């Protein structure tokens, strides 16, 4: 079960990236779009791993933590720049979620494996 949860978002993200790379002329745009789609994949995988480790549904807690990134990002953008564009703030926050969920997924997987070895 854990192997499926770990390999599912990685393989699906790679498949989306390869399809977008064939469709789009610039590879950087296909990577950005694949990362945008990857947020949903890794969010789902992290919520499943959290549920497997803790034993209760932690989806709302993970959703609240992910939603907290957007106002924090808006404050940071406001400090850094004079004007905050909503679209730019949303895209930046969404990609920041990707950068946070991928290592979180790896850490949760390692905790799950360690917990499985202890039992």
N, C-alpha and C. Protein backbone atom coordinates (compact mmCIF):
# COMPACT_ATOMS: atom_id res chain seq x y z
N UNK A 1 0.82 -1.19 0.00
CA UNK A 1 0.00 0.00 0.00
C UNK A 1 0.87 1.26 0.00
N UNK A 2 1.90 1.30 0.85
CA UNK A 2 2.76 2.49 0.91
C UNK A 2 3.53 2.69 -0.39
N UNK A 3 3.92 1.60 -1.04
CA UNK A 3 4.64 1.74 -2.31
C UNK A 3 3.74 2.40 -3.35
N UNK A 4 2.47 2.03 -3.36
CA UNK A 4 1.52 2.63 -4.29
C UNK A 4 1.35 4.11 -4.01
N UNK A 5 1.24 4.48 -2.75
CA UNK A 5 1.03 5.88 -2.38
C UNK A 5 2.26 6.71 -2.74
N UNK A 6 3.45 6.13 -2.62
CA UNK A 6 4.67 6.87 -2.94
C UNK A 6 4.86 6.97 -4.44
N UNK A 7 4.66 5.88 -5.14
CA UNK A 7 4.94 5.89 -6.57
C UNK A 7 3.83 6.56 -7.38
N UNK A 8 2.60 6.58 -6.88
CA UNK A 8 1.49 7.14 -7.63
C UNK A 8 1.70 8.61 -8.02
N UNK A 9 1.97 9.52 -7.10
CA UNK A 9 2.12 10.92 -7.53
C UNK A 9 3.37 11.15 -8.37
N UNK A 10 4.44 10.43 -8.07
CA UNK A 10 5.67 10.62 -8.82
C UNK A 10 5.52 10.16 -10.26
N UNK A 11 4.96 8.98 -10.46
CA UNK A 11 4.78 8.46 -11.81
C UNK A 11 3.76 9.29 -12.59
N UNK A 12 2.66 9.64 -11.94
CA UNK A 12 1.64 10.44 -12.62
C UNK A 12 2.16 11.83 -12.95
N UNK A 13 2.93 12.43 -12.06
CA UNK A 13 3.51 13.74 -12.33
C UNK A 13 4.48 13.66 -13.51
N UNK A 14 5.28 12.62 -13.56
CA UNK A 14 6.23 12.46 -14.66
C UNK A 14 5.49 12.25 -15.98
N UNK A 15 4.40 11.49 -15.95
CA UNK A 15 3.62 11.28 -17.17
C UNK A 15 2.99 12.59 -17.65
N UNK A 16 2.46 13.39 -16.74
CA UNK A 16 1.90 14.69 -17.12
C UNK A 16 2.99 15.58 -17.69
N UNK A 17 4.16 15.57 -17.09
CA UNK A 17 5.27 16.39 -17.58
C UNK A 17 5.68 15.96 -18.99
N UNK A 18 5.77 14.67 -19.23
CA UNK A 18 6.19 14.19 -20.55
C UNK A 18 5.13 14.51 -21.61
N UNK A 19 3.86 14.40 -21.27
CA UNK A 19 2.80 14.75 -22.22
C UNK A 19 2.84 16.25 -22.53
N UNK A 20 2.98 17.06 -21.50
CA UNK A 20 3.05 18.51 -21.72
C UNK A 20 4.29 18.91 -22.49
N UNK A 21 5.36 18.19 -22.28
CA UNK A 21 6.61 18.50 -23.00
C UNK A 21 6.46 18.22 -24.49
N UNK A 22 5.70 17.19 -24.84
CA UNK A 22 5.46 16.90 -26.25
C UNK A 22 4.52 17.93 -26.88
N UNK A 23 3.57 18.43 -26.10
CA UNK A 23 2.58 19.37 -26.62
C UNK A 23 3.13 20.78 -26.71
N UNK A 24 3.84 21.22 -25.66
CA UNK A 24 4.28 22.61 -25.59
C UNK A 24 5.69 22.77 -26.16
N UNK A 25 5.94 23.88 -26.82
CA UNK A 25 7.27 24.07 -27.43
C UNK A 25 8.37 24.37 -26.41
N UNK A 26 8.03 25.07 -25.33
CA UNK A 26 9.04 25.40 -24.34
C UNK A 26 8.94 24.43 -23.17
N UNK A 27 10.06 23.83 -22.81
CA UNK A 27 10.04 22.84 -21.75
C UNK A 27 9.83 23.47 -20.37
N UNK A 28 10.21 24.74 -20.20
CA UNK A 28 10.05 25.38 -18.89
C UNK A 28 8.56 25.59 -18.59
N UNK A 29 7.77 25.92 -19.62
CA UNK A 29 6.33 26.08 -19.40
C UNK A 29 5.67 24.75 -19.08
N UNK A 30 6.12 23.68 -19.71
CA UNK A 30 5.55 22.37 -19.41
C UNK A 30 5.91 21.93 -18.00
N UNK A 31 7.11 22.28 -17.55
CA UNK A 31 7.50 21.95 -16.18
C UNK A 31 6.65 22.71 -15.18
N UNK A 32 6.39 23.98 -15.43
CA UNK A 32 5.56 24.79 -14.54
C UNK A 32 4.15 24.24 -14.45
N UNK A 33 3.58 23.87 -15.60
CA UNK A 33 2.23 23.32 -15.60
C UNK A 33 2.18 21.96 -14.92
N UNK A 34 3.22 21.15 -15.11
CA UNK A 34 3.27 19.85 -14.44
C UNK A 34 3.38 20.03 -12.92
N UNK A 35 4.13 21.02 -12.49
CA UNK A 35 4.23 21.31 -11.05
C UNK A 35 2.89 21.80 -10.51
N UNK A 36 2.17 22.59 -11.29
CA UNK A 36 0.86 23.06 -10.86
C UNK A 36 -0.11 21.89 -10.69
N UNK A 37 -0.07 20.94 -11.62
CA UNK A 37 -0.93 19.76 -11.49
C UNK A 37 -0.43 18.84 -10.38
N UNK A 38 0.87 18.85 -10.13
CA UNK A 38 1.45 17.99 -9.11
C UNK A 38 1.03 18.36 -7.69
N UNK A 39 0.63 19.59 -7.47
CA UNK A 39 0.18 20.00 -6.14
C UNK A 39 -1.01 19.15 -5.71
N UNK A 40 -1.93 18.93 -6.62
CA UNK A 40 -3.12 18.13 -6.29
C UNK A 40 -2.71 16.69 -6.01
N UNK A 41 -1.79 16.15 -6.79
CA UNK A 41 -1.34 14.77 -6.59
C UNK A 41 -0.67 14.59 -5.25
N UNK A 42 0.26 15.49 -4.92
CA UNK A 42 1.00 15.35 -3.68
C UNK A 42 0.14 15.70 -2.46
N UNK A 43 -0.82 16.58 -2.63
CA UNK A 43 -1.74 16.87 -1.53
C UNK A 43 -2.53 15.62 -1.17
N UNK A 44 -3.04 14.94 -2.18
CA UNK A 44 -3.79 13.71 -1.95
C UNK A 44 -2.90 12.64 -1.30
N UNK A 45 -1.70 12.47 -1.82
CA UNK A 45 -0.79 11.45 -1.28
C UNK A 45 -0.39 11.77 0.16
N UNK A 46 -0.15 13.04 0.47
CA UNK A 46 0.21 13.41 1.84
C UNK A 46 -0.95 13.19 2.80
N UNK A 47 -2.16 13.46 2.36
CA UNK A 47 -3.30 13.24 3.24
C UNK A 47 -3.51 11.75 3.50
N UNK A 48 -3.29 10.91 2.50
CA UNK A 48 -3.42 9.46 2.69
C UNK A 48 -2.32 8.95 3.61
N UNK A 49 -1.09 9.43 3.43
CA UNK A 49 0.01 9.01 4.30
C UNK A 49 -0.22 9.46 5.74
N UNK A 50 -0.71 10.68 5.93
CA UNK A 50 -1.00 11.16 7.28
C UNK A 50 -2.07 10.30 7.94
N UNK A 51 -3.07 9.92 7.17
CA UNK A 51 -4.13 9.07 7.72
C UNK A 51 -3.58 7.69 8.07
N UNK A 52 -2.66 7.17 7.26
CA UNK A 52 -2.07 5.85 7.55
C UNK A 52 -1.17 5.91 8.78
N UNK A 53 -0.47 7.00 8.98
CA UNK A 53 0.45 7.11 10.12
C UNK A 53 -0.30 7.39 11.41
N UNK A 54 -1.20 8.38 11.38
CA UNK A 54 -1.89 8.81 12.60
C UNK A 54 -3.07 7.91 12.93
N UNK A 55 -3.76 7.44 11.93
CA UNK A 55 -4.91 6.57 12.17
C UNK A 55 -6.24 7.29 12.09
N UNK A 56 -6.22 8.61 11.99
CA UNK A 56 -7.46 9.38 11.82
C UNK A 56 -7.32 10.25 10.58
N UNK A 57 -8.46 10.75 10.13
CA UNK A 57 -8.47 11.59 8.93
C UNK A 57 -7.89 12.96 9.26
N UNK A 58 -6.81 13.31 8.60
CA UNK A 58 -6.13 14.59 8.84
C UNK A 58 -6.26 15.53 7.65
N UNK A 59 -7.23 15.28 6.78
CA UNK A 59 -7.38 16.06 5.56
C UNK A 59 -7.66 17.53 5.86
N UNK A 60 -8.53 17.82 6.80
CA UNK A 60 -8.87 19.21 7.11
C UNK A 60 -7.69 19.96 7.72
N UNK A 61 -6.90 19.28 8.54
CA UNK A 61 -5.71 19.92 9.11
C UNK A 61 -4.69 20.23 8.02
N UNK A 62 -4.48 19.30 7.11
CA UNK A 62 -3.56 19.53 6.00
C UNK A 62 -4.08 20.63 5.09
N UNK A 63 -5.38 20.65 4.85
CA UNK A 63 -5.97 21.70 4.03
C UNK A 63 -5.82 23.07 4.69
N UNK A 64 -6.01 23.14 5.99
CA UNK A 64 -5.83 24.40 6.72
C UNK A 64 -4.38 24.87 6.66
N UNK A 65 -3.44 23.94 6.80
CA UNK A 65 -2.03 24.30 6.72
C UNK A 65 -1.67 24.80 5.32
N UNK A 66 -2.23 24.16 4.31
CA UNK A 66 -1.95 24.59 2.94
C UNK A 66 -2.61 25.94 2.63
N UNK A 67 -3.79 26.16 3.16
CA UNK A 67 -4.47 27.44 2.95
C UNK A 67 -3.78 28.58 3.70
N UNK A 68 -3.08 28.27 4.77
CA UNK A 68 -2.36 29.30 5.52
C UNK A 68 -1.17 29.83 4.74
N UNK A 69 -0.73 29.10 3.76
CA UNK A 69 0.42 29.55 2.97
C UNK A 69 0.06 30.78 2.15
N UNK A 70 -1.17 30.88 1.68
CA UNK A 70 -1.57 31.99 0.82
C UNK A 70 -1.54 33.35 1.53
N UNK A 71 -2.11 33.48 2.73
CA UNK A 71 -1.99 34.79 3.40
C UNK A 71 -0.56 35.10 3.83
N UNK A 72 0.18 34.09 4.23
CA UNK A 72 1.59 34.31 4.58
C UNK A 72 2.36 34.79 3.37
N UNK A 73 2.08 34.20 2.22
CA UNK A 73 2.72 34.62 0.98
C UNK A 73 2.31 36.04 0.61
N UNK A 74 1.05 36.39 0.83
CA UNK A 74 0.58 37.75 0.53
C UNK A 74 1.29 38.78 1.40
N UNK A 75 1.46 38.45 2.67
CA UNK A 75 2.17 39.37 3.58
C UNK A 75 3.63 39.52 3.14
N UNK A 76 4.25 38.40 2.79
CA UNK A 76 5.64 38.43 2.35
C UNK A 76 5.78 39.23 1.06
N UNK A 77 4.84 39.04 0.13
CA UNK A 77 4.87 39.80 -1.13
C UNK A 77 4.66 41.29 -0.87
N UNK A 78 3.81 41.61 0.10
CA UNK A 78 3.53 43.01 0.42
C UNK A 78 4.76 43.68 1.03
N UNK A 79 5.49 42.94 1.86
CA UNK A 79 6.72 43.49 2.44
C UNK A 79 7.79 43.67 1.37
N UNK A 80 7.85 42.73 0.47
CA UNK A 80 8.90 42.73 -0.55
C UNK A 80 8.63 43.75 -1.65
N UNK A 81 7.39 43.87 -2.07
CA UNK A 81 7.02 44.78 -3.16
C UNK A 81 5.98 45.77 -2.65
N UNK A 82 5.80 46.83 -3.42
CA UNK A 82 4.79 47.83 -3.07
C UNK A 82 3.39 47.32 -3.32
N UNK A 83 3.21 46.70 -4.47
CA UNK A 83 1.88 46.29 -4.88
C UNK A 83 1.84 44.76 -5.00
N UNK A 84 0.75 44.18 -4.57
CA UNK A 84 0.58 42.73 -4.64
C UNK A 84 -0.51 42.42 -5.65
N UNK A 85 -0.14 41.68 -6.68
CA UNK A 85 -1.12 41.25 -7.66
C UNK A 85 -1.68 39.91 -7.21
N UNK A 86 -3.00 39.81 -7.20
CA UNK A 86 -3.65 38.61 -6.71
C UNK A 86 -3.26 37.38 -7.53
N UNK A 87 -3.22 37.53 -8.85
CA UNK A 87 -2.89 36.38 -9.69
C UNK A 87 -1.47 35.91 -9.46
N UNK A 88 -0.55 36.85 -9.36
CA UNK A 88 0.85 36.48 -9.11
C UNK A 88 1.01 35.85 -7.73
N UNK A 89 0.30 36.39 -6.76
CA UNK A 89 0.37 35.84 -5.41
C UNK A 89 -0.19 34.43 -5.36
N UNK A 90 -1.27 34.18 -6.07
CA UNK A 90 -1.87 32.85 -6.09
C UNK A 90 -0.96 31.84 -6.77
N UNK A 91 -0.38 32.21 -7.91
CA UNK A 91 0.52 31.31 -8.63
C UNK A 91 1.76 31.03 -7.79
N UNK A 92 2.31 32.06 -7.15
CA UNK A 92 3.49 31.89 -6.32
C UNK A 92 3.19 30.98 -5.13
N UNK A 93 2.03 31.18 -4.49
CA UNK A 93 1.64 30.34 -3.37
C UNK A 93 1.38 28.90 -3.79
N UNK A 94 0.79 28.73 -4.97
CA UNK A 94 0.51 27.38 -5.48
C UNK A 94 1.80 26.62 -5.75
N UNK A 95 2.78 27.30 -6.32
CA UNK A 95 4.07 26.64 -6.59
C UNK A 95 4.86 26.44 -5.31
N UNK A 96 4.68 27.31 -4.35
CA UNK A 96 5.29 27.11 -3.05
C UNK A 96 4.72 25.87 -2.37
N UNK A 97 3.43 25.63 -2.57
CA UNK A 97 2.82 24.40 -2.06
C UNK A 97 3.49 23.17 -2.66
N UNK A 98 3.79 23.22 -3.94
CA UNK A 98 4.48 22.10 -4.59
C UNK A 98 5.83 21.85 -3.92
N UNK A 99 6.57 22.93 -3.68
CA UNK A 99 7.89 22.80 -3.06
C UNK A 99 7.81 22.31 -1.61
N UNK A 100 6.71 22.54 -0.95
CA UNK A 100 6.55 22.07 0.42
C UNK A 100 5.96 20.67 0.52
N UNK A 101 5.08 20.31 -0.40
CA UNK A 101 4.41 19.02 -0.32
C UNK A 101 5.30 17.85 -0.77
N UNK A 102 6.20 18.09 -1.70
CA UNK A 102 7.07 17.00 -2.16
C UNK A 102 7.99 16.52 -1.04
N UNK A 103 8.73 17.40 -0.34
CA UNK A 103 9.55 16.90 0.77
C UNK A 103 8.70 16.38 1.94
N UNK A 104 7.54 16.98 2.16
CA UNK A 104 6.65 16.48 3.21
C UNK A 104 6.22 15.06 2.90
N UNK A 105 5.96 14.79 1.65
CA UNK A 105 5.58 13.44 1.23
C UNK A 105 6.72 12.46 1.49
N UNK A 106 7.95 12.86 1.18
CA UNK A 106 9.10 11.98 1.42
C UNK A 106 9.31 11.73 2.92
N UNK A 107 9.14 12.77 3.73
CA UNK A 107 9.30 12.62 5.18
C UNK A 107 8.21 11.73 5.75
N UNK A 108 6.97 11.93 5.31
CA UNK A 108 5.88 11.08 5.78
C UNK A 108 6.07 9.63 5.37
N UNK A 109 6.61 9.41 4.17
CA UNK A 109 6.88 8.05 3.74
C UNK A 109 7.94 7.41 4.63
N UNK A 110 9.01 8.16 4.95
CA UNK A 110 10.06 7.62 5.81
C UNK A 110 9.51 7.31 7.20
N UNK A 111 8.65 8.17 7.73
CA UNK A 111 8.04 7.91 9.03
C UNK A 111 7.15 6.67 8.96
N UNK A 112 6.41 6.54 7.86
CA UNK A 112 5.55 5.37 7.70
C UNK A 112 6.34 4.08 7.62
N UNK A 113 7.47 4.10 6.92
CA UNK A 113 8.32 2.91 6.82
C UNK A 113 8.92 2.58 8.18
N UNK A 114 9.40 3.59 8.89
CA UNK A 114 9.97 3.36 10.22
C UNK A 114 8.91 2.84 11.18
N UNK A 115 7.73 3.37 11.10
CA UNK A 115 6.65 2.91 11.96
C UNK A 115 6.25 1.47 11.60
N UNK A 116 6.28 1.14 10.33
CA UNK A 116 5.99 -0.22 9.91
C UNK A 116 7.05 -1.21 10.34
N UNK A 117 8.31 -0.78 10.41
CA UNK A 117 9.39 -1.67 10.84
C UNK A 117 9.36 -1.90 12.34
N UNK A 118 8.90 -0.90 13.08
CA UNK A 118 8.83 -1.03 14.53
C UNK A 118 7.72 -2.00 14.93
N UNK A 119 6.62 -1.96 14.23
CA UNK A 119 5.48 -2.83 14.58
C UNK A 119 5.75 -4.26 14.29
